[in-house]
Amino acid sequence: MRLPLLALLARGPAHGYELKQALEKLLGAAYPQPNIGQVYVTLGRLEKAGLIEGEDIAQSSRPNKRTYQLTDAGREAVAAWFDEPTDEPRVRDEFFMKLAVAPGTGMTDQVALINKQRRHYLNAMRDLSRLAAAEDRDNRVAQLLIEGAMLHLQADLDWLERCQEELEKLEELE
C-alpha cells in the first residue's frame, strides 16, 4: 500500500480518508478495499521515512485533520517504483508445490487436487463476472482490473488442464 499511496500524493496534498476514497474509486469493488486504519498507519510510516510531510489543518467544528504531501525523496520513490518491472512469472506457486509433493505423501490424489483447484478457479471466475456486471462501466480502471484477473484465471484453468493431461500420460506409461 505504501507506493500506491505515494503515487496518489503525487497528484497533490490529501488526507488519509481522501486517499482511501481515491483508491476505492479508482480500483472499484474488485480490489480489496483498504482499511482506514491501515492507511493512517502507512502514512505515519511514510512520514517517519521522510517520503511525505504531514501538516495539521485546523477545523472549527471538527478535530484537526492532517494532510500529507510528497517530499523529494517520496517523488524519487514513486519514480523508481514506476521504472521497476513487476516480478513475474509465478515460479513459486503453492498449488504446484502441493501437486508435486502429493504422490509421496499418500494423503491425496493429484487429480483430486486439480479438480478441487479447478472448481475454486471457476467459482472465482463466476464471482468476477458478477462483479464486472455490477461495476460502473465508466470506471475503465476497475474493468481492466477485473478483465486482467479473469484472463489470469483462464490461463490458470488452461494450465490445470495441461497438468492433468501430463499426469494421465505418466499413468499410461506406468
N, C-alpha and C. Protein backbone atom coordinates (compact mmCIF):
# COMPACT_ATOMS: atom_id res chain seq x y z
N MET A 1 0.81 -1.19 0.00
CA MET A 1 0.00 0.00 0.00
C MET A 1 0.86 1.26 0.00
N ARG A 2 2.12 1.13 0.43
CA ARG A 2 2.99 2.30 0.52
C ARG A 2 3.10 3.06 -0.79
N LEU A 3 3.49 2.37 -1.83
CA LEU A 3 3.77 3.04 -3.09
C LEU A 3 2.51 3.56 -3.79
N PRO A 4 1.39 2.83 -3.77
CA PRO A 4 0.18 3.43 -4.34
C PRO A 4 -0.24 4.71 -3.61
N LEU A 5 -0.09 4.75 -2.29
CA LEU A 5 -0.41 5.99 -1.57
C LEU A 5 0.52 7.12 -1.98
N LEU A 6 1.79 6.81 -2.10
CA LEU A 6 2.73 7.83 -2.56
C LEU A 6 2.36 8.34 -3.95
N ALA A 7 1.99 7.42 -4.83
CA ALA A 7 1.61 7.81 -6.19
C ALA A 7 0.38 8.71 -6.18
N LEU A 8 -0.59 8.40 -5.32
CA LEU A 8 -1.77 9.26 -5.23
C LEU A 8 -1.39 10.65 -4.71
N LEU A 9 -0.43 10.72 -3.82
CA LEU A 9 0.00 12.02 -3.30
C LEU A 9 0.78 12.83 -4.35
N ALA A 10 1.24 12.17 -5.41
CA ALA A 10 1.90 12.91 -6.49
C ALA A 10 0.91 13.85 -7.18
N ARG A 11 -0.38 13.58 -7.04
CA ARG A 11 -1.42 14.46 -7.59
C ARG A 11 -1.53 15.76 -6.81
N GLY A 12 -1.19 15.68 -5.52
CA GLY A 12 -1.29 16.85 -4.66
C GLY A 12 -1.59 16.42 -3.24
N PRO A 13 -1.54 17.37 -2.29
CA PRO A 13 -1.76 17.05 -0.89
C PRO A 13 -3.15 16.45 -0.66
N ALA A 14 -3.23 15.55 0.32
CA ALA A 14 -4.50 14.91 0.67
C ALA A 14 -4.40 14.38 2.09
N HIS A 15 -5.56 14.13 2.69
CA HIS A 15 -5.56 13.46 3.99
C HIS A 15 -5.93 12.00 3.79
N GLY A 16 -5.78 11.21 4.85
CA GLY A 16 -5.93 9.77 4.76
C GLY A 16 -7.25 9.31 4.18
N TYR A 17 -8.34 9.90 4.63
CA TYR A 17 -9.65 9.47 4.15
C TYR A 17 -9.81 9.77 2.66
N GLU A 18 -9.28 10.90 2.20
CA GLU A 18 -9.32 11.22 0.76
C GLU A 18 -8.54 10.19 -0.05
N LEU A 19 -7.41 9.76 0.49
CA LEU A 19 -6.60 8.76 -0.21
C LEU A 19 -7.33 7.42 -0.28
N LYS A 20 -7.96 7.03 0.83
CA LYS A 20 -8.74 5.79 0.84
C LYS A 20 -9.85 5.85 -0.20
N GLN A 21 -10.57 6.97 -0.23
CA GLN A 21 -11.66 7.12 -1.21
C GLN A 21 -11.13 7.11 -2.64
N ALA A 22 -9.99 7.74 -2.86
CA ALA A 22 -9.40 7.77 -4.21
C ALA A 22 -9.06 6.36 -4.68
N LEU A 23 -8.47 5.54 -3.79
CA LEU A 23 -8.16 4.15 -4.15
C LEU A 23 -9.43 3.37 -4.47
N GLU A 24 -10.44 3.53 -3.62
CA GLU A 24 -11.70 2.81 -3.83
C GLU A 24 -12.36 3.21 -5.14
N LYS A 25 -12.37 4.49 -5.44
CA LYS A 25 -13.00 4.97 -6.68
C LYS A 25 -12.21 4.50 -7.90
N LEU A 26 -10.90 4.58 -7.80
CA LEU A 26 -10.05 4.20 -8.93
C LEU A 26 -10.14 2.71 -9.24
N LEU A 27 -10.08 1.87 -8.21
CA LEU A 27 -9.97 0.43 -8.42
C LEU A 27 -11.29 -0.31 -8.37
N GLY A 28 -12.33 0.31 -7.83
CA GLY A 28 -13.64 -0.34 -7.78
C GLY A 28 -13.68 -1.47 -6.76
N ALA A 29 -14.74 -2.22 -6.82
CA ALA A 29 -15.01 -3.25 -5.82
C ALA A 29 -14.17 -4.52 -6.01
N ALA A 30 -13.54 -4.69 -7.16
CA ALA A 30 -12.77 -5.90 -7.41
C ALA A 30 -11.49 -5.95 -6.59
N TYR A 31 -10.97 -4.81 -6.25
CA TYR A 31 -9.72 -4.75 -5.49
C TYR A 31 -10.05 -4.69 -4.01
N PRO A 32 -9.33 -5.43 -3.18
CA PRO A 32 -9.64 -5.39 -1.74
C PRO A 32 -9.57 -3.95 -1.21
N GLN A 33 -10.63 -3.54 -0.55
CA GLN A 33 -10.72 -2.18 -0.06
C GLN A 33 -9.76 -1.95 1.10
N PRO A 34 -9.03 -0.84 1.07
CA PRO A 34 -8.09 -0.59 2.17
C PRO A 34 -8.83 -0.24 3.45
N ASN A 35 -8.27 -0.65 4.55
CA ASN A 35 -8.79 -0.31 5.87
C ASN A 35 -8.26 1.08 6.22
N ILE A 36 -9.12 1.97 6.72
CA ILE A 36 -8.68 3.34 7.02
C ILE A 36 -7.56 3.34 8.05
N GLY A 37 -7.61 2.41 9.00
CA GLY A 37 -6.52 2.31 9.98
C GLY A 37 -5.20 1.97 9.31
N GLN A 38 -5.25 1.06 8.34
CA GLN A 38 -4.06 0.67 7.60
C GLN A 38 -3.51 1.87 6.82
N VAL A 39 -4.41 2.67 6.26
CA VAL A 39 -3.98 3.86 5.51
C VAL A 39 -3.22 4.81 6.43
N TYR A 40 -3.78 5.08 7.61
CA TYR A 40 -3.13 6.03 8.51
C TYR A 40 -1.82 5.49 9.10
N VAL A 41 -1.77 4.20 9.38
CA VAL A 41 -0.52 3.60 9.86
C VAL A 41 0.55 3.73 8.77
N THR A 42 0.17 3.43 7.54
CA THR A 42 1.11 3.53 6.42
C THR A 42 1.57 4.96 6.23
N LEU A 43 0.66 5.92 6.33
CA LEU A 43 1.04 7.33 6.20
C LEU A 43 2.03 7.72 7.30
N GLY A 44 1.80 7.24 8.51
CA GLY A 44 2.74 7.53 9.60
C GLY A 44 4.12 6.98 9.32
N ARG A 45 4.17 5.78 8.77
CA ARG A 45 5.47 5.17 8.44
C ARG A 45 6.16 5.92 7.29
N LEU A 46 5.37 6.33 6.31
CA LEU A 46 5.94 7.09 5.19
C LEU A 46 6.50 8.43 5.66
N GLU A 47 5.80 9.03 6.63
CA GLU A 47 6.27 10.31 7.17
C GLU A 47 7.57 10.09 7.96
N LYS A 48 7.64 9.06 8.76
CA LYS A 48 8.86 8.76 9.53
C LYS A 48 10.03 8.47 8.59
N ALA A 49 9.72 7.86 7.45
CA ALA A 49 10.76 7.53 6.47
C ALA A 49 11.19 8.75 5.65
N GLY A 50 10.51 9.87 5.82
CA GLY A 50 10.87 11.09 5.10
C GLY A 50 10.34 11.15 3.67
N LEU A 51 9.39 10.26 3.33
CA LEU A 51 8.86 10.24 1.97
C LEU A 51 7.67 11.19 1.80
N ILE A 52 7.03 11.56 2.91
CA ILE A 52 5.94 12.53 2.90
C ILE A 52 6.09 13.46 4.10
N GLU A 53 5.43 14.61 4.00
CA GLU A 53 5.37 15.55 5.11
C GLU A 53 3.91 15.75 5.46
N GLY A 54 3.63 15.74 6.75
CA GLY A 54 2.27 15.98 7.20
C GLY A 54 2.12 17.37 7.78
N GLU A 55 0.91 17.90 7.66
CA GLU A 55 0.61 19.22 8.21
C GLU A 55 -0.78 19.16 8.81
N ASP A 56 -0.91 19.61 10.05
CA ASP A 56 -2.22 19.66 10.70
C ASP A 56 -2.97 20.88 10.23
N ILE A 57 -4.22 20.67 9.82
CA ILE A 57 -5.10 21.75 9.36
C ILE A 57 -6.20 21.92 10.40
N ALA A 58 -6.32 23.12 10.93
CA ALA A 58 -7.34 23.39 11.95
C ALA A 58 -8.72 23.44 11.29
N GLN A 59 -9.69 22.84 11.96
CA GLN A 59 -11.09 22.88 11.53
C GLN A 59 -11.92 23.39 12.69
N SER A 60 -12.88 24.26 12.42
CA SER A 60 -13.62 24.89 13.51
C SER A 60 -14.58 23.93 14.21
N SER A 61 -15.30 23.12 13.47
CA SER A 61 -16.32 22.28 14.10
C SER A 61 -15.91 20.82 14.22
N ARG A 62 -14.71 20.49 13.83
CA ARG A 62 -14.24 19.11 13.87
C ARG A 62 -12.81 19.09 14.36
N PRO A 63 -12.33 17.91 14.72
CA PRO A 63 -10.90 17.82 15.09
C PRO A 63 -10.02 18.20 13.90
N ASN A 64 -8.81 18.63 14.20
CA ASN A 64 -7.87 18.97 13.13
C ASN A 64 -7.69 17.76 12.21
N LYS A 65 -7.43 18.05 10.95
CA LYS A 65 -7.10 16.94 10.05
C LYS A 65 -5.67 17.13 9.57
N ARG A 66 -5.05 16.03 9.25
CA ARG A 66 -3.66 16.06 8.82
C ARG A 66 -3.62 15.76 7.33
N THR A 67 -3.02 16.68 6.60
CA THR A 67 -2.84 16.45 5.17
C THR A 67 -1.37 16.12 4.92
N TYR A 68 -1.15 15.39 3.87
CA TYR A 68 0.18 14.92 3.55
C TYR A 68 0.54 15.32 2.13
N GLN A 69 1.84 15.54 1.93
CA GLN A 69 2.33 15.79 0.58
C GLN A 69 3.68 15.11 0.41
N LEU A 70 4.03 14.84 -0.83
CA LEU A 70 5.29 14.16 -1.12
C LEU A 70 6.48 15.06 -0.85
N THR A 71 7.54 14.44 -0.39
CA THR A 71 8.85 15.12 -0.32
C THR A 71 9.58 14.76 -1.62
N ASP A 72 10.75 15.35 -1.79
CA ASP A 72 11.56 14.98 -2.97
C ASP A 72 11.91 13.50 -2.94
N ALA A 73 12.21 12.99 -1.74
CA ALA A 73 12.53 11.56 -1.61
C ALA A 73 11.31 10.71 -1.98
N GLY A 74 10.12 11.17 -1.62
CA GLY A 74 8.89 10.47 -1.99
C GLY A 74 8.69 10.43 -3.50
N ARG A 75 8.94 11.56 -4.15
CA ARG A 75 8.82 11.60 -5.63
C ARG A 75 9.81 10.63 -6.27
N GLU A 76 11.03 10.59 -5.72
CA GLU A 76 12.03 9.65 -6.25
C GLU A 76 11.58 8.20 -6.06
N ALA A 77 10.97 7.90 -4.91
CA ALA A 77 10.49 6.54 -4.64
C ALA A 77 9.38 6.14 -5.62
N VAL A 78 8.47 7.07 -5.90
CA VAL A 78 7.39 6.79 -6.86
C VAL A 78 7.97 6.58 -8.25
N ALA A 79 8.90 7.44 -8.66
CA ALA A 79 9.52 7.31 -9.98
C ALA A 79 10.24 5.97 -10.10
N ALA A 80 10.96 5.57 -9.05
CA ALA A 80 11.66 4.29 -9.08
C ALA A 80 10.68 3.13 -9.16
N TRP A 81 9.54 3.24 -8.46
CA TRP A 81 8.51 2.20 -8.50
C TRP A 81 7.95 2.04 -9.90
N PHE A 82 7.65 3.17 -10.54
CA PHE A 82 7.12 3.11 -11.91
C PHE A 82 8.17 2.56 -12.89
N ASP A 83 9.44 2.81 -12.60
CA ASP A 83 10.51 2.39 -13.50
C ASP A 83 10.83 0.90 -13.39
N GLU A 84 10.54 0.30 -12.23
CA GLU A 84 10.90 -1.10 -11.97
C GLU A 84 9.81 -2.05 -12.48
N PRO A 85 10.17 -3.03 -13.31
CA PRO A 85 9.18 -4.02 -13.74
C PRO A 85 8.66 -4.83 -12.55
N THR A 86 7.45 -5.34 -12.65
CA THR A 86 6.85 -6.15 -11.61
C THR A 86 7.34 -7.58 -11.75
N ASP A 87 7.64 -8.22 -10.61
CA ASP A 87 8.11 -9.61 -10.63
C ASP A 87 7.06 -10.54 -11.22
N GLU A 88 7.44 -11.33 -12.14
CA GLU A 88 6.68 -12.41 -12.74
C GLU A 88 7.69 -13.24 -13.50
N PRO A 89 7.48 -14.37 -13.88
CA PRO A 89 6.30 -15.20 -13.69
C PRO A 89 6.28 -15.82 -12.30
N ARG A 90 5.16 -16.45 -12.01
CA ARG A 90 4.98 -17.07 -10.70
C ARG A 90 5.62 -18.45 -10.69
N VAL A 91 6.88 -18.50 -10.39
CA VAL A 91 7.55 -19.80 -10.35
C VAL A 91 7.27 -20.48 -9.01
N ARG A 92 7.15 -19.72 -7.96
CA ARG A 92 6.82 -20.27 -6.64
C ARG A 92 5.31 -20.30 -6.48
N ASP A 93 4.71 -21.31 -6.99
CA ASP A 93 3.26 -21.44 -6.97
C ASP A 93 2.89 -22.50 -5.92
N GLU A 94 2.09 -22.11 -4.94
CA GLU A 94 1.75 -23.03 -3.85
C GLU A 94 0.98 -24.25 -4.35
N PHE A 95 0.04 -24.03 -5.28
CA PHE A 95 -0.71 -25.18 -5.79
C PHE A 95 0.24 -26.18 -6.46
N PHE A 96 1.17 -25.70 -7.27
CA PHE A 96 2.07 -26.61 -7.95
C PHE A 96 2.92 -27.39 -6.94
N MET A 97 3.31 -26.72 -5.85
CA MET A 97 4.08 -27.42 -4.81
C MET A 97 3.24 -28.56 -4.22
N LYS A 98 1.95 -28.30 -3.96
CA LYS A 98 1.06 -29.36 -3.46
C LYS A 98 1.00 -30.50 -4.46
N LEU A 99 0.85 -30.16 -5.73
CA LEU A 99 0.74 -31.16 -6.79
C LEU A 99 2.02 -32.01 -6.87
N ALA A 100 3.15 -31.35 -6.72
CA ALA A 100 4.44 -32.05 -6.85
C ALA A 100 4.70 -32.99 -5.68
N VAL A 101 4.35 -32.59 -4.46
CA VAL A 101 4.68 -33.42 -3.30
C VAL A 101 3.58 -34.43 -2.95
N ALA A 102 2.40 -34.29 -3.51
CA ALA A 102 1.27 -35.16 -3.15
C ALA A 102 1.55 -36.65 -3.34
N PRO A 103 2.15 -37.08 -4.45
CA PRO A 103 2.31 -38.53 -4.63
C PRO A 103 3.11 -39.22 -3.53
N GLY A 104 4.10 -38.57 -2.99
CA GLY A 104 4.92 -39.19 -1.97
C GLY A 104 4.28 -39.23 -0.60
N THR A 105 3.17 -38.55 -0.42
CA THR A 105 2.56 -38.49 0.91
C THR A 105 1.52 -39.57 1.13
N GLY A 106 0.88 -40.03 0.06
CA GLY A 106 -0.21 -40.99 0.20
C GLY A 106 -1.45 -40.37 0.83
N MET A 107 -1.50 -39.05 0.91
CA MET A 107 -2.61 -38.37 1.58
C MET A 107 -3.67 -37.82 0.62
N THR A 108 -3.31 -37.67 -0.64
CA THR A 108 -4.28 -37.15 -1.61
C THR A 108 -3.88 -37.57 -3.01
N ASP A 109 -4.82 -37.49 -3.88
CA ASP A 109 -4.63 -37.84 -5.29
C ASP A 109 -4.39 -36.56 -6.08
N GLN A 110 -3.45 -36.57 -7.00
CA GLN A 110 -3.15 -35.38 -7.78
C GLN A 110 -4.35 -34.90 -8.60
N VAL A 111 -5.11 -35.82 -9.19
CA VAL A 111 -6.27 -35.43 -9.99
C VAL A 111 -7.33 -34.79 -9.10
N ALA A 112 -7.48 -35.30 -7.89
CA ALA A 112 -8.42 -34.69 -6.95
C ALA A 112 -7.99 -33.27 -6.61
N LEU A 113 -6.69 -33.07 -6.45
CA LEU A 113 -6.17 -31.72 -6.20
C LEU A 113 -6.49 -30.80 -7.37
N ILE A 114 -6.24 -31.28 -8.56
CA ILE A 114 -6.51 -30.48 -9.77
C ILE A 114 -7.99 -30.13 -9.85
N ASN A 115 -8.85 -31.11 -9.62
CA ASN A 115 -10.29 -30.86 -9.71
C ASN A 115 -10.77 -29.86 -8.66
N LYS A 116 -10.22 -29.96 -7.46
CA LYS A 116 -10.59 -29.01 -6.40
C LYS A 116 -10.14 -27.60 -6.78
N GLN A 117 -8.92 -27.49 -7.31
CA GLN A 117 -8.40 -26.18 -7.71
C GLN A 117 -9.20 -25.62 -8.88
N ARG A 118 -9.57 -26.50 -9.81
CA ARG A 118 -10.38 -26.07 -10.96
C ARG A 118 -11.71 -25.49 -10.49
N ARG A 119 -12.37 -26.17 -9.57
CA ARG A 119 -13.64 -25.66 -9.02
C ARG A 119 -13.45 -24.30 -8.36
N HIS A 120 -12.35 -24.17 -7.63
CA HIS A 120 -12.05 -22.90 -6.97
C HIS A 120 -11.89 -21.78 -8.02
N TYR A 121 -11.13 -22.04 -9.07
CA TYR A 121 -10.93 -21.03 -10.13
C TYR A 121 -12.24 -20.71 -10.83
N LEU A 122 -13.06 -21.72 -11.11
CA LEU A 122 -14.34 -21.47 -11.77
C LEU A 122 -15.28 -20.64 -10.90
N ASN A 123 -15.28 -20.90 -9.60
CA ASN A 123 -16.08 -20.08 -8.69
C ASN A 123 -15.57 -18.64 -8.66
N ALA A 124 -14.26 -18.48 -8.65
CA ALA A 124 -13.67 -17.14 -8.67
C ALA A 124 -14.03 -16.42 -9.97
N MET A 125 -14.01 -17.15 -11.08
CA MET A 125 -14.37 -16.57 -12.38
C MET A 125 -15.83 -16.11 -12.36
N ARG A 126 -16.70 -16.93 -11.80
CA ARG A 126 -18.12 -16.56 -11.71
C ARG A 126 -18.29 -15.31 -10.84
N ASP A 127 -17.59 -15.26 -9.72
CA ASP A 127 -17.66 -14.09 -8.84
C ASP A 127 -17.18 -12.83 -9.56
N LEU A 128 -16.09 -12.95 -10.32
CA LEU A 128 -15.58 -11.81 -11.06
C LEU A 128 -16.56 -11.37 -12.16
N SER A 129 -17.23 -12.32 -12.79
CA SER A 129 -18.22 -11.97 -13.81
C SER A 129 -19.36 -11.17 -13.19
N ARG A 130 -19.81 -11.59 -12.02
CA ARG A 130 -20.86 -10.83 -11.32
C ARG A 130 -20.37 -9.43 -10.96
N LEU A 131 -19.14 -9.37 -10.48
CA LEU A 131 -18.57 -8.09 -10.09
C LEU A 131 -18.44 -7.17 -11.30
N ALA A 132 -18.03 -7.71 -12.43
CA ALA A 132 -17.91 -6.90 -13.65
C ALA A 132 -19.26 -6.35 -14.07
N ALA A 133 -20.29 -7.16 -13.93
CA ALA A 133 -21.63 -6.71 -14.31
C ALA A 133 -22.14 -5.62 -13.38
N ALA A 134 -21.71 -5.69 -12.11
CA ALA A 134 -22.18 -4.71 -11.13
C ALA A 134 -21.34 -3.44 -11.11
N GLU A 135 -20.13 -3.51 -11.61
CA GLU A 135 -19.20 -2.37 -11.56
C GLU A 135 -19.63 -1.29 -12.55
N ASP A 136 -19.36 -0.06 -12.19
CA ASP A 136 -19.63 1.09 -13.04
C ASP A 136 -18.89 0.92 -14.37
N ARG A 137 -19.60 0.90 -15.48
CA ARG A 137 -18.99 0.70 -16.80
C ARG A 137 -18.03 1.82 -17.18
N ASP A 138 -18.21 3.00 -16.60
CA ASP A 138 -17.33 4.12 -16.91
C ASP A 138 -16.00 4.04 -16.17
N ASN A 139 -15.90 3.17 -15.16
CA ASN A 139 -14.65 3.02 -14.43
C ASN A 139 -13.78 2.02 -15.18
N ARG A 140 -13.07 2.50 -16.18
CA ARG A 140 -12.26 1.62 -17.03
C ARG A 140 -11.13 0.95 -16.25
N VAL A 141 -10.58 1.63 -15.24
CA VAL A 141 -9.50 1.02 -14.46
C VAL A 141 -10.02 -0.22 -13.74
N ALA A 142 -11.18 -0.10 -13.11
CA ALA A 142 -11.76 -1.25 -12.41
C ALA A 142 -12.11 -2.36 -13.40
N GLN A 143 -12.66 -2.01 -14.54
CA GLN A 143 -13.00 -3.01 -15.55
C GLN A 143 -11.75 -3.73 -16.05
N LEU A 144 -10.66 -2.99 -16.25
CA LEU A 144 -9.40 -3.61 -16.68
C LEU A 144 -8.83 -4.53 -15.60
N LEU A 145 -8.97 -4.13 -14.34
CA LEU A 145 -8.52 -4.97 -13.23
C LEU A 145 -9.27 -6.30 -13.23
N ILE A 146 -10.57 -6.23 -13.38
CA ILE A 146 -11.40 -7.44 -13.41
C ILE A 146 -11.05 -8.29 -14.63
N GLU A 147 -10.91 -7.65 -15.78
CA GLU A 147 -10.57 -8.38 -17.00
C GLU A 147 -9.22 -9.08 -16.86
N GLY A 148 -8.24 -8.39 -16.28
CA GLY A 148 -6.92 -9.00 -16.08
C GLY A 148 -7.00 -10.20 -15.15
N ALA A 149 -7.77 -10.07 -14.07
CA ALA A 149 -7.92 -11.19 -13.14
C ALA A 149 -8.59 -12.37 -13.84
N MET A 150 -9.58 -12.10 -14.67
CA MET A 150 -10.26 -13.18 -15.38
C MET A 150 -9.33 -13.86 -16.40
N LEU A 151 -8.51 -13.08 -17.07
CA LEU A 151 -7.55 -13.67 -18.01
C LEU A 151 -6.52 -14.53 -17.29
N HIS A 152 -6.07 -14.08 -16.12
CA HIS A 152 -5.15 -14.90 -15.33
C HIS A 152 -5.82 -16.21 -14.90
N LEU A 153 -7.07 -16.12 -14.47
CA LEU A 153 -7.79 -17.33 -14.08
C LEU A 153 -7.95 -18.28 -15.27
N GLN A 154 -8.27 -17.73 -16.44
CA GLN A 154 -8.41 -18.59 -17.62
C GLN A 154 -7.09 -19.28 -17.94
N ALA A 155 -5.99 -18.54 -17.83
CA ALA A 155 -4.67 -19.15 -18.06
C ALA A 155 -4.40 -20.24 -17.02
N ASP A 156 -4.78 -19.99 -15.77
CA ASP A 156 -4.60 -21.00 -14.72
C ASP A 156 -5.44 -22.24 -15.01
N LEU A 157 -6.66 -22.04 -15.49
CA LEU A 157 -7.52 -23.18 -15.85
C LEU A 157 -6.92 -23.98 -16.99
N ASP A 158 -6.38 -23.28 -17.98
CA ASP A 158 -5.72 -23.96 -19.11
C ASP A 158 -4.51 -24.76 -18.61
N TRP A 159 -3.76 -24.17 -17.69
CA TRP A 159 -2.59 -24.84 -17.15
C TRP A 159 -2.99 -26.08 -16.35
N LEU A 160 -4.08 -26.00 -15.58
CA LEU A 160 -4.57 -27.18 -14.85
C LEU A 160 -4.90 -28.31 -15.82
N GLU A 161 -5.52 -27.95 -16.93
CA GLU A 161 -5.86 -28.95 -17.95
C GLU A 161 -4.58 -29.62 -18.47
N ARG A 162 -3.57 -28.82 -18.69
CA ARG A 162 -2.28 -29.34 -19.17
C ARG A 162 -1.66 -30.27 -18.12
N CYS A 163 -1.71 -29.87 -16.85
CA CYS A 163 -1.19 -30.73 -15.77
C CYS A 163 -1.90 -32.07 -15.75
N GLN A 164 -3.22 -32.05 -15.87
CA GLN A 164 -3.98 -33.29 -15.84
C GLN A 164 -3.63 -34.17 -17.02
N GLU A 165 -3.48 -33.58 -18.21
CA GLU A 165 -3.11 -34.35 -19.40
C GLU A 165 -1.75 -35.03 -19.19
N GLU A 166 -0.78 -34.31 -18.61
CA GLU A 166 0.55 -34.87 -18.38
C GLU A 166 0.50 -35.99 -17.35
N LEU A 167 -0.30 -35.82 -16.31
CA LEU A 167 -0.43 -36.88 -15.31
C LEU A 167 -1.04 -38.13 -15.91
N GLU A 168 -2.02 -37.96 -16.79
CA GLU A 168 -2.65 -39.11 -17.46
C GLU A 168 -1.63 -39.83 -18.34
N LYS A 169 -0.76 -39.08 -19.03
CA LYS A 169 0.28 -39.70 -19.85
C LYS A 169 1.24 -40.51 -18.98
N LEU A 170 1.60 -39.97 -17.83
CA LEU A 170 2.51 -40.67 -16.92
C LEU A 170 1.87 -41.97 -16.42
N GLU A 171 0.58 -41.93 -16.12
CA GLU A 171 -0.12 -43.13 -15.65
C GLU A 171 -0.14 -44.20 -16.72
N GLU A 172 -0.29 -43.77 -18.00
CA GLU A 172 -0.31 -44.74 -19.10
C GLU A 172 1.04 -45.43 -19.25
N LEU A 173 2.12 -44.71 -18.95
CA LEU A 173 3.46 -45.26 -19.08
C LEU A 173 3.79 -46.26 -17.97
N GLU A 174 3.11 -46.13 -16.84
CA GLU A 174 3.42 -46.99 -15.70
C GLU A 174 2.84 -48.36 -15.82
